[in-house]
Protein backbone atom coordinates (compact mmCIF):
# COMPACT_ATOMS: atom_id res chain seq x y z
CA UNK A 1 0.00 0.00 0.00
CA UNK A 2 2.80 2.41 0.88
CA UNK A 3 4.64 1.58 -2.35
CA UNK A 4 1.53 2.44 -4.38
CA UNK A 5 1.26 5.87 -2.76
CA UNK A 6 4.95 6.55 -3.38
CA UNK A 7 4.60 5.49 -7.02
CA UNK A 8 1.51 7.68 -7.39
CA UNK A 9 3.36 10.66 -5.94
CA UNK A 10 6.35 10.10 -8.23
CA UNK A 11 4.06 9.77 -11.25
CA UNK A 12 2.29 13.01 -10.35
CA UNK A 13 5.63 14.75 -9.91
CA UNK A 14 6.89 13.48 -13.28
CA UNK A 15 3.72 14.62 -15.04
CA UNK A 16 3.93 18.04 -13.38
CA UNK A 17 7.54 18.44 -14.49
CA UNK A 18 6.62 17.44 -18.04
CA UNK A 19 3.85 20.04 -18.16
CA UNK A 20 6.15 22.75 -16.81
CA UNK A 21 8.91 21.84 -19.28
CA UNK A 22 6.61 21.93 -22.29
CA UNK A 23 4.75 25.15 -21.52
CA UNK A 24 6.01 28.64 -22.02
CA UNK A 25 6.70 30.81 -24.99
CA UNK A 26 6.28 28.93 -28.24
CA UNK A 27 6.14 31.98 -30.49
CA UNK A 28 9.49 32.29 -32.29
CA UNK A 29 8.38 35.36 -34.23
CA UNK A 30 8.47 37.95 -31.47
CA UNK A 31 11.11 39.60 -29.32
CA UNK A 32 11.89 38.62 -25.78
CA UNK A 33 12.80 41.57 -23.59
CA UNK A 34 14.33 41.34 -20.15
CA UNK A 35 13.19 43.67 -17.40
CA UNK A 36 16.36 45.70 -17.95
CA UNK A 37 15.34 46.34 -21.58
CA UNK A 38 17.88 43.92 -23.11
CA UNK A 39 16.51 42.02 -26.11
CA UNK A 40 17.63 38.54 -27.08
CA UNK A 41 19.61 38.04 -30.25
CA UNK A 42 19.59 34.90 -32.35
CA UNK A 43 22.20 33.55 -34.74
CA UNK A 44 22.69 30.61 -37.06
CA UNK A 45 25.17 27.93 -35.91
CA UNK A 46 26.46 27.66 -39.50
CA UNK A 47 26.40 31.40 -40.27
CA UNK A 48 27.40 33.25 -37.07
CA UNK A 49 27.56 36.56 -38.96
CA UNK A 50 23.77 36.41 -39.26
CA UNK A 51 22.17 38.01 -36.18
CA UNK A 52 18.43 38.56 -35.71
CA UNK A 53 16.27 39.94 -32.92
CA UNK A 54 13.73 37.12 -33.20
CA UNK A 55 14.02 33.35 -33.28
CA UNK A 56 13.25 31.56 -36.52
CA UNK A 57 15.14 29.95 -39.35
CA UNK A 58 18.32 30.99 -41.13
CA UNK A 59 17.49 32.47 -44.52
CA UNK A 60 20.70 30.97 -45.96
CA UNK A 61 20.45 27.33 -44.86
CA UNK A 62 17.11 26.92 -43.05
CA UNK A 63 18.65 25.86 -39.72
CA UNK A 64 16.92 26.94 -36.52
CA UNK A 65 18.42 30.12 -35.07
CA UNK A 66 19.85 29.78 -31.55
CA UNK A 67 20.05 32.41 -28.85
CA UNK A 68 23.33 34.29 -28.92
CA UNK A 69 25.20 34.25 -25.63
PDB file of N, CA and C in Angstrom:
ATOM      1  N   UNK A   1       0.815  -1.187   0.000  1.00  0.00           N
ATOM      2  CA  UNK A   1       0.000   0.000   0.000  1.00  0.00           C
ATOM      3  C   UNK A   1       0.862   1.254   0.000  1.00  0.00           C
ATOM      4  N   UNK A   2       1.917   1.249   0.808  1.00  0.00           N
ATOM      5  CA  UNK A   2       2.799   2.409   0.885  1.00  0.00           C
ATOM      6  C   UNK A   2       3.550   2.604  -0.433  1.00  0.00           C
ATOM      7  N   UNK A   3       3.929   1.503  -1.076  1.00  0.00           N
ATOM      8  CA  UNK A   3       4.644   1.582  -2.349  1.00  0.00           C
ATOM      9  C   UNK A   3       3.749   2.204  -3.417  1.00  0.00           C
ATOM     10  N   UNK A   4       2.460   1.868  -3.410  1.00  0.00           N
ATOM     11  CA  UNK A   4       1.530   2.444  -4.381  1.00  0.00           C
ATOM     12  C   UNK A   4       1.418   3.955  -4.210  1.00  0.00           C
ATOM     13  N   UNK A   5       1.375   4.423  -2.983  1.00  0.00           N
ATOM     14  CA  UNK A   5       1.261   5.872  -2.764  1.00  0.00           C
ATOM     15  C   UNK A   5       2.543   6.584  -3.176  1.00  0.00           C
ATOM     16  N   UNK A   6       3.683   5.954  -2.951  1.00  0.00           N
ATOM     17  CA  UNK A   6       4.954   6.545  -3.381  1.00  0.00           C
ATOM     18  C   UNK A   6       5.014   6.597  -4.902  1.00  0.00           C
ATOM     19  N   UNK A   7       4.612   5.513  -5.562  1.00  0.00           N
ATOM     20  CA  UNK A   7       4.605   5.489  -7.025  1.00  0.00           C
ATOM     21  C   UNK A   7       3.623   6.525  -7.588  1.00  0.00           C
ATOM     22  N   UNK A   8       2.481   6.677  -6.949  1.00  0.00           N
ATOM     23  CA  UNK A   8       1.506   7.682  -7.391  1.00  0.00           C
ATOM     24  C   UNK A   8       2.081   9.086  -7.255  1.00  0.00           C
ATOM     25  N   UNK A   9       2.753   9.342  -6.152  1.00  0.00           N
ATOM     26  CA  UNK A   9       3.357  10.658  -5.938  1.00  0.00           C
ATOM     27  C   UNK A   9       4.461  10.929  -6.962  1.00  0.00           C
ATOM     28  N   UNK A  10       5.277   9.939  -7.244  1.00  0.00           N
ATOM     29  CA  UNK A  10       6.348  10.097  -8.232  1.00  0.00           C
ATOM     30  C   UNK A  10       5.778  10.309  -9.636  1.00  0.00           C
ATOM     31  N   UNK A  11       4.710   9.600  -9.955  1.00  0.00           N
ATOM     32  CA  UNK A  11       4.058   9.769 -11.253  1.00  0.00           C
ATOM     33  C   UNK A  11       3.488  11.174 -11.387  1.00  0.00           C
ATOM     34  N   UNK A  12       2.837  11.659 -10.337  1.00  0.00           N
ATOM     35  CA  UNK A  12       2.285  13.012 -10.353  1.00  0.00           C
ATOM     36  C   UNK A  12       3.393  14.047 -10.499  1.00  0.00           C
ATOM     37  N   UNK A  13       4.493  13.830  -9.805  1.00  0.00           N
ATOM     38  CA  UNK A  13       5.631  14.747  -9.906  1.00  0.00           C
ATOM     39  C   UNK A  13       6.208  14.752 -11.325  1.00  0.00           C
ATOM     40  N   UNK A  14       6.353  13.574 -11.917  1.00  0.00           N
ATOM     41  CA  UNK A  14       6.891  13.481 -13.280  1.00  0.00           C
ATOM     42  C   UNK A  14       5.970  14.167 -14.285  1.00  0.00           C
ATOM     43  N   UNK A  15       4.668  13.969 -14.134  1.00  0.00           N
ATOM     44  CA  UNK A  15       3.716  14.616 -15.039  1.00  0.00           C
ATOM     45  C   UNK A  15       3.748  16.135 -14.866  1.00  0.00           C
ATOM     46  N   UNK A  16       3.853  16.592 -13.635  1.00  0.00           N
ATOM     47  CA  UNK A  16       3.929  18.037 -13.385  1.00  0.00           C
ATOM     48  C   UNK A  16       5.176  18.632 -14.025  1.00  0.00           C
ATOM     49  N   UNK A  17       6.291  17.950 -13.895  1.00  0.00           N
ATOM     50  CA  UNK A  17       7.538  18.441 -14.489  1.00  0.00           C
ATOM     51  C   UNK A  17       7.443  18.465 -16.009  1.00  0.00           C
ATOM     52  N   UNK A  18       6.781  17.478 -16.592  1.00  0.00           N
ATOM     53  CA  UNK A  18       6.625  17.438 -18.044  1.00  0.00           C
ATOM     54  C   UNK A  18       5.771  18.605 -18.523  1.00  0.00           C
ATOM     55  N   UNK A  19       4.714  18.914 -17.790  1.00  0.00           N
ATOM     56  CA  UNK A  19       3.850  20.036 -18.162  1.00  0.00           C
ATOM     57  C   UNK A  19       4.622  21.347 -18.060  1.00  0.00           C
ATOM     58  N   UNK A  20       5.369  21.525 -16.993  1.00  0.00           N
ATOM     59  CA  UNK A  20       6.147  22.748 -16.813  1.00  0.00           C
ATOM     60  C   UNK A  20       7.201  22.886 -17.912  1.00  0.00           C
ATOM     61  N   UNK A  21       7.843  21.792 -18.261  1.00  0.00           N
ATOM     62  CA  UNK A  21       8.905  21.839 -19.276  1.00  0.00           C
ATOM     63  C   UNK A  21       8.370  22.142 -20.666  1.00  0.00           C
ATOM     64  N   UNK A  22       7.133  21.752 -20.942  1.00  0.00           N
ATOM     65  CA  UNK A  22       6.613  21.932 -22.293  1.00  0.00           C
ATOM     66  C   UNK A  22       5.782  23.195 -22.466  1.00  0.00           C
ATOM     67  N   UNK A  23       5.513  23.904 -21.397  1.00  0.00           N
ATOM     68  CA  UNK A  23       4.751  25.146 -21.516  1.00  0.00           C
ATOM     69  C   UNK A  23       5.708  26.323 -21.587  1.00  0.00           C
ATOM     70  N   UNK A  24       5.182  27.453 -21.926  1.00  0.00           N
ATOM     71  CA  UNK A  24       6.007  28.644 -22.023  1.00  0.00           C
ATOM     72  C   UNK A  24       5.822  29.288 -23.368  1.00  0.00           C
ATOM     73  N   UNK A  25       6.784  30.047 -23.752  1.00  0.00           N
ATOM     74  CA  UNK A  25       6.697  30.807 -24.988  1.00  0.00           C
ATOM     75  C   UNK A  25       7.023  29.910 -26.179  1.00  0.00           C
ATOM     76  N   UNK A  26       6.064  29.725 -27.031  1.00  0.00           N
ATOM     77  CA  UNK A  26       6.278  28.929 -28.241  1.00  0.00           C
ATOM     78  C   UNK A  26       6.153  29.780 -29.493  1.00  0.00           C
ATOM     79  N   UNK A  27       6.266  31.079 -29.350  1.00  0.00           N
ATOM     80  CA  UNK A  27       6.144  31.983 -30.487  1.00  0.00           C
ATOM     81  C   UNK A  27       7.530  32.487 -30.885  1.00  0.00           C
ATOM     82  N   UNK A  28       8.137  31.880 -31.910  1.00  0.00           N
ATOM     83  CA  UNK A  28       9.486  32.286 -32.287  1.00  0.00           C
ATOM     84  C   UNK A  28       9.534  33.592 -33.069  1.00  0.00           C
ATOM     85  N   UNK A  29       8.376  34.187 -33.365  1.00  0.00           N
ATOM     86  CA  UNK A  29       8.379  35.362 -34.234  1.00  0.00           C
ATOM     87  C   UNK A  29       8.247  36.682 -33.479  1.00  0.00           C
ATOM     88  N   UNK A  30       8.519  36.697 -32.196  1.00  0.00           N
ATOM     89  CA  UNK A  30       8.473  37.950 -31.474  1.00  0.00           C
ATOM     90  C   UNK A  30       9.680  38.090 -30.561  1.00  0.00           C
ATOM     91  N   UNK A  31       9.944  39.324 -30.152  1.00  0.00           N
ATOM     92  CA  UNK A  31      11.115  39.601 -29.319  1.00  0.00           C
ATOM     93  C   UNK A  31      10.858  39.224 -27.873  1.00  0.00           C
ATOM     94  N   UNK A  32      11.915  38.854 -27.206  1.00  0.00           N
ATOM     95  CA  UNK A  32      11.889  38.621 -25.778  1.00  0.00           C
ATOM     96  C   UNK A  32      12.700  39.750 -25.155  1.00  0.00           C
ATOM     97  N   UNK A  33      12.116  40.457 -24.224  1.00  0.00           N
ATOM     98  CA  UNK A  33      12.803  41.569 -23.588  1.00  0.00           C
ATOM     99  C   UNK A  33      12.916  41.307 -22.101  1.00  0.00           C
ATOM    100  N   UNK A  34      14.116  41.455 -21.580  1.00  0.00           N
ATOM    101  CA  UNK A  34      14.327  41.338 -20.148  1.00  0.00           C
ATOM    102  C   UNK A  34      13.818  42.592 -19.466  1.00  0.00           C
ATOM    103  N   UNK A  35      13.674  42.520 -18.153  1.00  0.00           N
ATOM    104  CA  UNK A  35      13.188  43.667 -17.401  1.00  0.00           C
ATOM    105  C   UNK A  35      14.148  44.852 -17.494  1.00  0.00           C
ATOM    106  N   UNK A  36      15.414  44.597 -17.808  1.00  0.00           N
ATOM    107  CA  UNK A  36      16.363  45.698 -17.947  1.00  0.00           C
ATOM    108  C   UNK A  36      16.372  46.274 -19.372  1.00  0.00           C
ATOM    109  N   UNK A  37      15.463  45.823 -20.225  1.00  0.00           N
ATOM    110  CA  UNK A  37      15.342  46.343 -21.582  1.00  0.00           C
ATOM    111  C   UNK A  37      16.208  45.624 -22.605  1.00  0.00           C
ATOM    112  N   UNK A  38      16.989  44.646 -22.201  1.00  0.00           N
ATOM    113  CA  UNK A  38      17.878  43.919 -23.107  1.00  0.00           C
ATOM    114  C   UNK A  38      17.066  42.932 -23.938  1.00  0.00           C
ATOM    115  N   UNK A  39      17.211  42.970 -25.250  1.00  0.00           N
ATOM    116  CA  UNK A  39      16.513  42.022 -26.110  1.00  0.00           C
ATOM    117  C   UNK A  39      17.444  40.863 -26.446  1.00  0.00           C
ATOM    118  N   UNK A  40      16.854  39.719 -26.690  1.00  0.00           N
ATOM    119  CA  UNK A  40      17.628  38.539 -27.079  1.00  0.00           C
ATOM    120  C   UNK A  40      18.040  38.687 -28.539  1.00  0.00           C
ATOM    121  N   UNK A  41      19.170  38.090 -28.865  1.00  0.00           N
ATOM    122  CA  UNK A  41      19.609  38.037 -30.246  1.00  0.00           C
ATOM    123  C   UNK A  41      19.818  36.578 -30.616  1.00  0.00           C
ATOM    124  N   UNK A  42      19.514  36.265 -31.864  1.00  0.00           N
ATOM    125  CA  UNK A  42      19.592  34.899 -32.351  1.00  0.00           C
ATOM    126  C   UNK A  42      20.524  34.837 -33.547  1.00  0.00           C
ATOM    127  N   UNK A  43      21.255  33.720 -33.653  1.00  0.00           N
ATOM    128  CA  UNK A  43      22.204  33.550 -34.740  1.00  0.00           C
ATOM    129  C   UNK A  43      22.139  32.115 -35.255  1.00  0.00           C
ATOM    130  N   UNK A  44      22.653  31.930 -36.461  1.00  0.00           N
ATOM    131  CA  UNK A  44      22.693  30.606 -37.064  1.00  0.00           C
ATOM    132  C   UNK A  44      23.998  29.919 -36.665  1.00  0.00           C
ATOM    133  N   UNK A  45      23.940  28.652 -36.255  1.00  0.00           N
ATOM    134  CA  UNK A  45      25.167  27.933 -35.906  1.00  0.00           C
ATOM    135  C   UNK A  45      26.140  27.819 -37.090  1.00  0.00           C
ATOM    136  N   UNK A  46      25.602  27.782 -38.320  1.00  0.00           N
ATOM    137  CA  UNK A  46      26.461  27.663 -39.502  1.00  0.00           C
ATOM    138  C   UNK A  46      26.881  29.020 -40.070  1.00  0.00           C
ATOM    139  N   UNK A  47      26.125  30.059 -39.750  1.00  0.00           N
ATOM    140  CA  UNK A  47      26.396  31.398 -40.272  1.00  0.00           C
ATOM    141  C   UNK A  47      26.377  32.402 -39.111  1.00  0.00           C
ATOM    142  N   UNK A  48      27.406  32.406 -38.268  1.00  0.00           N
ATOM    143  CA  UNK A  48      27.398  33.248 -37.066  1.00  0.00           C
ATOM    144  C   UNK A  48      27.360  34.749 -37.364  1.00  0.00           C
ATOM    145  N   UNK A  49      27.642  35.138 -38.597  1.00  0.00           N
ATOM    146  CA  UNK A  49      27.562  36.556 -38.955  1.00  0.00           C
ATOM    147  C   UNK A  49      26.116  37.033 -39.057  1.00  0.00           C
ATOM    148  N   UNK A  50      25.187  36.090 -39.177  1.00  0.00           N
ATOM    149  CA  UNK A  50      23.765  36.412 -39.256  1.00  0.00           C
ATOM    150  C   UNK A  50      23.219  36.567 -37.841  1.00  0.00           C
ATOM    151  N   UNK A  51      22.726  37.744 -37.510  1.00  0.00           N
ATOM    152  CA  UNK A  51      22.166  38.014 -36.177  1.00  0.00           C
ATOM    153  C   UNK A  51      20.791  38.627 -36.353  1.00  0.00           C
ATOM    154  N   UNK A  52      19.803  38.062 -35.647  1.00  0.00           N
ATOM    155  CA  UNK A  52      18.430  38.561 -35.715  1.00  0.00           C
ATOM    156  C   UNK A  52      17.907  38.802 -34.308  1.00  0.00           C
ATOM    157  N   UNK A  53      16.880  39.645 -34.207  1.00  0.00           N
ATOM    158  CA  UNK A  53      16.265  39.939 -32.918  1.00  0.00           C
ATOM    159  C   UNK A  53      15.152  38.969 -32.558  1.00  0.00           C
ATOM    160  N   UNK A  54      14.805  38.077 -33.458  1.00  0.00           N
ATOM    161  CA  UNK A  54      13.732  37.121 -33.199  1.00  0.00           C
ATOM    162  C   UNK A  54      14.189  35.730 -33.629  1.00  0.00           C
ATOM    163  N   UNK A  55      13.697  34.730 -32.928  1.00  0.00           N
ATOM    164  CA  UNK A  55      14.017  33.348 -33.283  1.00  0.00           C
ATOM    165  C   UNK A  55      13.340  33.017 -34.605  1.00  0.00           C
ATOM    166  N   UNK A  56      13.821  31.988 -35.241  1.00  0.00           N
ATOM    167  CA  UNK A  56      13.247  31.565 -36.519  1.00  0.00           C
ATOM    168  C   UNK A  56      14.225  30.665 -37.231  1.00  0.00           C
ATOM    169  N   UNK A  57      14.241  30.765 -38.551  1.00  0.00           N
ATOM    170  CA  UNK A  57      15.140  29.947 -39.354  1.00  0.00           C
ATOM    171  C   UNK A  57      16.121  30.823 -40.106  1.00  0.00           C
ATOM    172  N   UNK A  58      17.294  30.281 -40.360  1.00  0.00           N
ATOM    173  CA  UNK A  58      18.321  30.986 -41.129  1.00  0.00           C
ATOM    174  C   UNK A  58      17.857  31.104 -42.578  1.00  0.00           C
ATOM    175  N   UNK A  59      17.902  32.316 -43.132  1.00  0.00           N
ATOM    176  CA  UNK A  59      17.493  32.473 -44.522  1.00  0.00           C
ATOM    177  C   UNK A  59      18.480  31.850 -45.519  1.00  0.00           C
ATOM    178  N   UNK A  60      19.696  31.559 -45.069  1.00  0.00           N
ATOM    179  CA  UNK A  60      20.701  30.975 -45.959  1.00  0.00           C
ATOM    180  C   UNK A  60      20.598  29.452 -46.041  1.00  0.00           C
ATOM    181  N   UNK A  61      20.412  28.800 -44.861  1.00  0.00           N
ATOM    182  CA  UNK A  61      20.447  27.333 -44.863  1.00  0.00           C
ATOM    183  C   UNK A  61      19.201  26.689 -44.255  1.00  0.00           C
ATOM    184  N   UNK A  62      18.335  27.465 -43.614  1.00  0.00           N
ATOM    185  CA  UNK A  62      17.112  26.920 -43.050  1.00  0.00           C
ATOM    186  C   UNK A  62      17.250  26.328 -41.657  1.00  0.00           C
ATOM    187  N   UNK A  63      18.462  26.391 -41.085  1.00  0.00           N
ATOM    188  CA  UNK A  63      18.646  25.864 -39.722  1.00  0.00           C
ATOM    189  C   UNK A  63      17.934  26.760 -38.717  1.00  0.00           C
ATOM    190  N   UNK A  64      17.574  26.185 -37.596  1.00  0.00           N
ATOM    191  CA  UNK A  64      16.919  26.938 -36.524  1.00  0.00           C
ATOM    192  C   UNK A  64      17.943  27.878 -35.886  1.00  0.00           C
ATOM    193  N   UNK A  65      17.554  29.151 -35.710  1.00  0.00           N
ATOM    194  CA  UNK A  65      18.421  30.116 -35.069  1.00  0.00           C
ATOM    195  C   UNK A  65      18.486  29.817 -33.573  1.00  0.00           C
ATOM    196  N   UNK A  66      19.662  30.007 -32.978  1.00  0.00           N
ATOM    197  CA  UNK A  66      19.848  29.781 -31.545  1.00  0.00           C
ATOM    198  C   UNK A  66      20.150  31.102 -30.866  1.00  0.00           C
ATOM    199  N   UNK A  67      19.827  31.177 -29.586  1.00  0.00           N
ATOM    200  CA  UNK A  67      20.054  32.415 -28.847  1.00  0.00           C
ATOM    201  C   UNK A  67      21.554  32.670 -28.711  1.00  0.00           C
ATOM    202  N   UNK A  68      21.936  33.889 -29.000  1.00  0.00           N
ATOM    203  CA  UNK A  68      23.331  34.288 -28.925  1.00  0.00           C
ATOM    204  C   UNK A  68      23.679  34.575 -27.473  1.00  0.00           C
ATOM    205  N   UNK A  69      24.794  34.030 -27.022  1.00  0.00           N
ATOM    206  CA  UNK A  69      25.198  34.251 -25.633  1.00  0.00           C
ATOM    207  C   UNK A  69      26.253  35.302 -25.513  1.00  0.00           C
TER     208      UNK A  69
END
